[in-house]
Amino acid sequence: MGSLTRYALKLILGFLPLTSCAQTLADIGLRIKYLETGHQFKNDTAGLSLLPKLNYRCANEKKDHLNYYHVADLNQDGLKDLIYSGPCSSKLQTGIFINTGTGFKKLYEYEGQIISVDKTAVTVVVNILKKSCCCEFYSQYIQISIDNKSQATKNVIVFNDKTSIRVASRLKKEKVVGTLRTSPQVNDAVKRDACNNSIKGNQLTRIHEFKDVIQLNKAGAWWLVLYPENNERSWIGWMKLE
């Protein structure tokens, strides 16, 4: 099996639990803070002309495609890698490419726009936001963590674009049960949206038995929480303790 095939398998299968020891509450708070502030990422293209040529289909669509590249050593091997984040057909797309020394190998590709690139002690973390659009219910906040072996782990936070996200200075881990909602109010009225999807008020998902959540903020009896549903997906929503 080729090295890039192994990377792809790791990306698909190697999801990182959001509340694992690899991510502290401070790490999670920093990541979500970008959502609160609407962080605008600035690409750094220094050294791009010295790198092997990357023939990427999304970049080929635009004459000014060089403006959408970011140069960084993502796997910390001394070689500069590339992130493309910009227009692709009618959508925004982000692609991550690892420098092999003679060319580039694609590590990741999905819809969305880069929000940040952060370096930790053991990984480089790329945060990507895919905003909800058209007939999609939710936005996806995607984190790709790349280690020094070019292995990537993926974690996705799902939230409704109507949810106001504000992060307190101190986060807490709690055990709760209840319904997550897009706003701090109870609305269970069933209706159909513009795309003829049946939706139930402002409900997001239901926590049927006591589970760990991270309290991000609160408003009266309501908590804004981050709920890791499983190793692949977490939710941000409001809940009233039951």
Foldseek 3Di string as FASTA:
>chain_A
DDLLVVQQVLAVPVFAAQPDPVADPVNVLVLCVLVQVVADDAADCPPVVVAADDDDQQLVVDPVQSRQKHWDQFLPPPDIWIWGWQGGPHFTKIWTWHGPPNYTDTNDIDTFGWRDWDDDPFWIKTWTKAADDDPDAWIKIKIWTQGNSRHIHIEIEIAGPLANDDFDPDKDKDWAFFWFFSDPDDFQPWDADPVRDIDGGGTDDGRHGIDIWMFGQADVQKTFIWARPDSHYIYTGIGGGD
